[in-house]
Amino acid sequence: MSEQPYLTVKQVAERLSVSQKHIRRAIASGALTAHRYGRAIRISNDDLMAFERLRRGKELLSR
């Protein structure tokens, strides 16, 4: 089974074990790139992987 090219806010939140509000804040701040299709918000797998790398980097720096 291949991965979906675009994920919903809910799918990303579940994948990262955070709230949907956290994902929406990351999008609003520019930390996570999202694409709007009408009222729908979608996040590409590539953008999600970049966000995860950024997040991991910040966690390592804070130790």
C-alpha atoms as a PDB file:
ATOM      1  CA  MET A   1       0.000   0.000   0.000  1.00  0.00           C
ATOM      2  CA  SER A   2       1.462   3.368  -0.957  1.00  0.00           C
ATOM      3  CA  GLU A   3       1.347   6.440   1.264  1.00  0.00           C
ATOM      4  CA  GLN A   4      -1.081   9.215   0.501  1.00  0.00           C
ATOM      5  CA  PRO A   5       0.638  12.189  -1.144  1.00  0.00           C
ATOM      6  CA  TYR A   6      -1.294  14.650   1.059  1.00  0.00           C
ATOM      7  CA  LEU A   7      -2.491  14.272   4.636  1.00  0.00           C
ATOM      8  CA  THR A   8      -5.206  16.068   6.576  1.00  0.00           C
ATOM      9  CA  VAL A   9      -4.552  18.055   9.741  1.00  0.00           C
ATOM     10  CA  LYS A  10      -6.161  15.237  11.720  1.00  0.00           C
ATOM     11  CA  GLN A  11      -3.938  12.572  10.129  1.00  0.00           C
ATOM     12  CA  VAL A  12      -0.790  14.609  10.821  1.00  0.00           C
ATOM     13  CA  ALA A  13      -1.841  15.233  14.435  1.00  0.00           C
ATOM     14  CA  GLU A  14      -2.458  11.521  14.983  1.00  0.00           C
ATOM     15  CA  ARG A  15       0.838  10.598  13.349  1.00  0.00           C
ATOM     16  CA  LEU A  16       2.785  12.997  15.607  1.00  0.00           C
ATOM     17  CA  SER A  17       0.659  12.321  18.717  1.00  0.00           C
ATOM     18  CA  VAL A  18      -0.245  15.983  19.144  1.00  0.00           C
ATOM     19  CA  SER A  19      -3.485  17.931  18.949  1.00  0.00           C
ATOM     20  CA  GLN A  20      -4.977  19.288  15.755  1.00  0.00           C
ATOM     21  CA  LYS A  21      -4.671  22.737  17.334  1.00  0.00           C
ATOM     22  CA  HIS A  22      -0.903  22.243  17.631  1.00  0.00           C
ATOM     23  CA  ILE A  23      -0.703  21.415  13.909  1.00  0.00           C
ATOM     24  CA  ARG A  24      -2.822  24.426  12.974  1.00  0.00           C
ATOM     25  CA  ARG A  25      -0.542  26.672  15.068  1.00  0.00           C
ATOM     26  CA  ALA A  26       2.534  25.230  13.352  1.00  0.00           C
ATOM     27  CA  ILE A  27       0.933  25.996   9.992  1.00  0.00           C
ATOM     28  CA  ALA A  28      -0.006  29.534  11.070  1.00  0.00           C
ATOM     29  CA  SER A  29       3.530  30.227  12.318  1.00  0.00           C
ATOM     30  CA  GLY A  30       5.067  28.957   9.090  1.00  0.00           C
ATOM     31  CA  ALA A  31       6.899  26.065  10.756  1.00  0.00           C
ATOM     32  CA  LEU A  32       4.806  23.543   8.815  1.00  0.00           C
ATOM     33  CA  THR A  33       3.977  24.152   5.166  1.00  0.00           C
ATOM     34  CA  ALA A  34       0.396  23.381   4.171  1.00  0.00           C
ATOM     35  CA  HIS A  35      -1.605  23.642   0.968  1.00  0.00           C
ATOM     36  CA  ARG A  36      -5.162  24.916   0.804  1.00  0.00           C
ATOM     37  CA  TYR A  37      -7.667  23.436  -1.603  1.00  0.00           C
ATOM     38  CA  GLY A  38     -10.769  25.516  -1.078  1.00  0.00           C
ATOM     39  CA  ARG A  39     -11.439  25.186   2.638  1.00  0.00           C
ATOM     40  CA  ALA A  40      -9.447  21.967   2.955  1.00  0.00           C
ATOM     41  CA  ILE A  41      -5.934  22.058   4.385  1.00  0.00           C
ATOM     42  CA  ARG A  42      -3.495  19.373   3.268  1.00  0.00           C
ATOM     43  CA  ILE A  43       0.109  18.654   4.203  1.00  0.00           C
ATOM     44  CA  SER A  44       2.460  16.798   1.862  1.00  0.00           C
ATOM     45  CA  ASN A  45       4.583  13.944   3.167  1.00  0.00           C
ATOM     46  CA  ASP A  46       7.727  15.865   2.180  1.00  0.00           C
ATOM     47  CA  ASP A  47       6.631  18.919   4.187  1.00  0.00           C
ATOM     48  CA  LEU A  48       5.762  16.724   7.156  1.00  0.00           C
ATOM     49  CA  MET A  49       9.180  15.031   7.069  1.00  0.00           C
ATOM     50  CA  ALA A  50      10.886  18.452   6.966  1.00  0.00           C
ATOM     51  CA  PHE A  51       8.803  19.575   9.961  1.00  0.00           C
ATOM     52  CA  GLU A  52       9.726  16.416  11.875  1.00  0.00           C
ATOM     53  CA  ARG A  53      13.445  17.016  11.207  1.00  0.00           C
ATOM     54  CA  LEU A  54      13.089  20.613  12.409  1.00  0.00           C
ATOM     55  CA  ARG A  55      11.273  19.430  15.530  1.00  0.00           C
ATOM     56  CA  ARG A  56      13.911  16.799  16.290  1.00  0.00           C
ATOM     57  CA  GLY A  57      16.672  19.377  15.853  1.00  0.00           C
ATOM     58  CA  LYS A  58      15.031  21.708  18.371  1.00  0.00           C
ATOM     59  CA  GLU A  59      14.614  18.845  20.859  1.00  0.00           C
ATOM     60  CA  LEU A  60      18.315  17.974  20.581  1.00  0.00           C
ATOM     61  CA  LEU A  61      19.331  21.605  21.110  1.00  0.00           C
ATOM     62  CA  SER A  62      17.184  21.951  24.211  1.00  0.00           C
ATOM     63  CA  ARG A  63      18.894  19.029  26.006  1.00  0.00           C
END
